[in-house]
């Protein structure tokens, strides 16, 4: 997977601001790792299925996920961040 640029949806930014300081710091580190090596095993990258086809997930912590879409241009749009229940909100 090639990452050209990363954009942040307004929902992602809102959700990010609601996270604890520690998780926010971890999210920034994960974002840098994702830019450098989106296939790094610690990200646990996987595509979602069913009604969420076209959406991908990476792990920030054991319980926190980032959901994103990959555009044809190679741009990434981080859609949402949070616990597993964020899958229900898309």
C-alpha atoms as a PDB file:
ATOM      1  CA  UNK A   1       0.000   0.000   0.000  1.00  0.00           C
ATOM      2  CA  UNK A   2       1.353   3.388  -1.027  1.00  0.00           C
ATOM      3  CA  UNK A   3       0.561   6.459   1.129  1.00  0.00           C
ATOM      4  CA  UNK A   4       0.810   9.765  -0.695  1.00  0.00           C
ATOM      5  CA  UNK A   5      -0.800  12.162   1.807  1.00  0.00           C
ATOM      6  CA  UNK A   6      -2.968  11.765   4.909  1.00  0.00           C
ATOM      7  CA  UNK A   7      -6.052  13.902   5.460  1.00  0.00           C
ATOM      8  CA  UNK A   8      -8.239  13.977   8.554  1.00  0.00           C
ATOM      9  CA  UNK A   9     -12.019  13.996   8.353  1.00  0.00           C
ATOM     10  CA  UNK A  10     -13.765  16.355  10.802  1.00  0.00           C
ATOM     11  CA  UNK A  11     -15.188  13.324  12.660  1.00  0.00           C
ATOM     12  CA  UNK A  12     -11.673  11.965  13.145  1.00  0.00           C
ATOM     13  CA  UNK A  13     -10.481  15.284  14.585  1.00  0.00           C
ATOM     14  CA  UNK A  14     -13.458  15.460  16.952  1.00  0.00           C
ATOM     15  CA  UNK A  15     -12.895  11.880  18.124  1.00  0.00           C
ATOM     16  CA  UNK A  16      -9.150  12.470  18.486  1.00  0.00           C
ATOM     17  CA  UNK A  17      -9.725  15.457  20.782  1.00  0.00           C
ATOM     18  CA  UNK A  18     -11.846  13.283  23.078  1.00  0.00           C
ATOM     19  CA  UNK A  19      -9.043  10.746  23.607  1.00  0.00           C
ATOM     20  CA  UNK A  20      -6.716  10.790  26.600  1.00  0.00           C
ATOM     21  CA  UNK A  21      -3.391  12.566  26.235  1.00  0.00           C
ATOM     22  CA  UNK A  22      -1.513   9.240  26.243  1.00  0.00           C
ATOM     23  CA  UNK A  23      -3.645   7.824  23.434  1.00  0.00           C
ATOM     24  CA  UNK A  24      -3.292  11.049  21.440  1.00  0.00           C
ATOM     25  CA  UNK A  25       0.516  10.781  21.689  1.00  0.00           C
ATOM     26  CA  UNK A  26       0.361   7.125  20.656  1.00  0.00           C
ATOM     27  CA  UNK A  27      -1.893   8.053  17.706  1.00  0.00           C
ATOM     28  CA  UNK A  28       0.661  10.584  16.452  1.00  0.00           C
ATOM     29  CA  UNK A  29       3.391   7.903  16.618  1.00  0.00           C
ATOM     30  CA  UNK A  30       1.164   5.418  14.791  1.00  0.00           C
ATOM     31  CA  UNK A  31       0.421   8.035  12.107  1.00  0.00           C
ATOM     32  CA  UNK A  32       4.161   8.512  11.511  1.00  0.00           C
ATOM     33  CA  UNK A  33       4.733   4.764  11.360  1.00  0.00           C
ATOM     34  CA  UNK A  34       1.830   4.389   8.925  1.00  0.00           C
ATOM     35  CA  UNK A  35       3.339   7.060   6.629  1.00  0.00           C
ATOM     36  CA  UNK A  36       6.753   5.385   6.714  1.00  0.00           C
ATOM     37  CA  UNK A  37       5.618   1.767   6.486  1.00  0.00           C
ATOM     38  CA  UNK A  38       1.855   1.209   6.117  1.00  0.00           C
ATOM     39  CA  UNK A  39       2.390  -2.551   6.093  1.00  0.00           C
ATOM     40  CA  UNK A  40       4.231  -2.667   9.426  1.00  0.00           C
ATOM     41  CA  UNK A  41       2.889  -5.694  11.337  1.00  0.00           C
ATOM     42  CA  UNK A  42       2.215  -3.738  14.544  1.00  0.00           C
ATOM     43  CA  UNK A  43      -0.447  -1.688  12.721  1.00  0.00           C
ATOM     44  CA  UNK A  44      -2.532  -4.815  12.114  1.00  0.00           C
ATOM     45  CA  UNK A  45      -3.782  -3.307   8.861  1.00  0.00           C
ATOM     46  CA  UNK A  46      -6.872  -4.955   7.444  1.00  0.00           C
ATOM     47  CA  UNK A  47      -9.718  -4.154   5.103  1.00  0.00           C
ATOM     48  CA  UNK A  48     -13.251  -4.267   6.469  1.00  0.00           C
ATOM     49  CA  UNK A  49     -16.016  -6.242   4.813  1.00  0.00           C
ATOM     50  CA  UNK A  50     -19.748  -6.136   4.260  1.00  0.00           C
ATOM     51  CA  UNK A  51     -21.319  -2.710   4.491  1.00  0.00           C
ATOM     52  CA  UNK A  52     -17.891  -1.265   5.355  1.00  0.00           C
ATOM     53  CA  UNK A  53     -16.196  -2.537   2.177  1.00  0.00           C
ATOM     54  CA  UNK A  54     -13.591  -0.009   1.062  1.00  0.00           C
ATOM     55  CA  UNK A  55     -12.782   1.024   4.646  1.00  0.00           C
ATOM     56  CA  UNK A  56      -9.522  -0.053   6.267  1.00  0.00           C
ATOM     57  CA  UNK A  57      -8.487  -0.310   9.919  1.00  0.00           C
ATOM     58  CA  UNK A  58      -5.197   0.058  11.777  1.00  0.00           C
ATOM     59  CA  UNK A  59      -4.553  -0.405  15.477  1.00  0.00           C
ATOM     60  CA  UNK A  60      -3.408   2.393  17.749  1.00  0.00           C
ATOM     61  CA  UNK A  61      -3.654   0.319  20.928  1.00  0.00           C
ATOM     62  CA  UNK A  62      -5.177  -3.013  21.769  1.00  0.00           C
ATOM     63  CA  UNK A  63      -8.599  -1.334  21.955  1.00  0.00           C
ATOM     64  CA  UNK A  64      -8.323   1.798  19.778  1.00  0.00           C
ATOM     65  CA  UNK A  65      -8.612   1.713  15.974  1.00  0.00           C
ATOM     66  CA  UNK A  66      -8.277   4.224  13.156  1.00  0.00           C
ATOM     67  CA  UNK A  67     -10.664   3.739  10.253  1.00  0.00           C
ATOM     68  CA  UNK A  68      -9.635   5.169   6.898  1.00  0.00           C
ATOM     69  CA  UNK A  69     -10.298   5.187   3.180  1.00  0.00           C
ATOM     70  CA  UNK A  70      -7.671   5.027   0.483  1.00  0.00           C
ATOM     71  CA  UNK A  71      -8.315   7.246  -2.521  1.00  0.00           C
ATOM     72  CA  UNK A  72      -7.249   6.234  -6.053  1.00  0.00           C
ATOM     73  CA  UNK A  73      -4.634   9.000  -5.914  1.00  0.00           C
ATOM     74  CA  UNK A  74      -2.904   7.273  -3.005  1.00  0.00           C
ATOM     75  CA  UNK A  75      -4.223   9.818  -0.519  1.00  0.00           C
ATOM     76  CA  UNK A  76      -5.497   8.465   2.791  1.00  0.00           C
ATOM     77  CA  UNK A  77      -8.463   9.944   4.673  1.00  0.00           C
ATOM     78  CA  UNK A  78      -8.588   9.084   8.366  1.00  0.00           C
ATOM     79  CA  UNK A  79     -12.328   8.866   8.996  1.00  0.00           C
ATOM     80  CA  UNK A  80     -12.668   7.981  12.652  1.00  0.00           C
ATOM     81  CA  UNK A  81     -10.742   6.861  15.731  1.00  0.00           C
ATOM     82  CA  UNK A  82     -11.986   5.063  18.801  1.00  0.00           C
ATOM     83  CA  UNK A  83     -13.001   1.754  20.368  1.00  0.00           C
ATOM     84  CA  UNK A  84     -14.523  -1.083  18.339  1.00  0.00           C
ATOM     85  CA  UNK A  85     -17.946   0.586  18.440  1.00  0.00           C
ATOM     86  CA  UNK A  86     -16.717   3.134  15.866  1.00  0.00           C
ATOM     87  CA  UNK A  87     -17.467   0.502  13.240  1.00  0.00           C
ATOM     88  CA  UNK A  88     -21.177   1.044  13.971  1.00  0.00           C
ATOM     89  CA  UNK A  89     -20.960   4.806  13.395  1.00  0.00           C
ATOM     90  CA  UNK A  90     -19.914   4.691   9.745  1.00  0.00           C
END
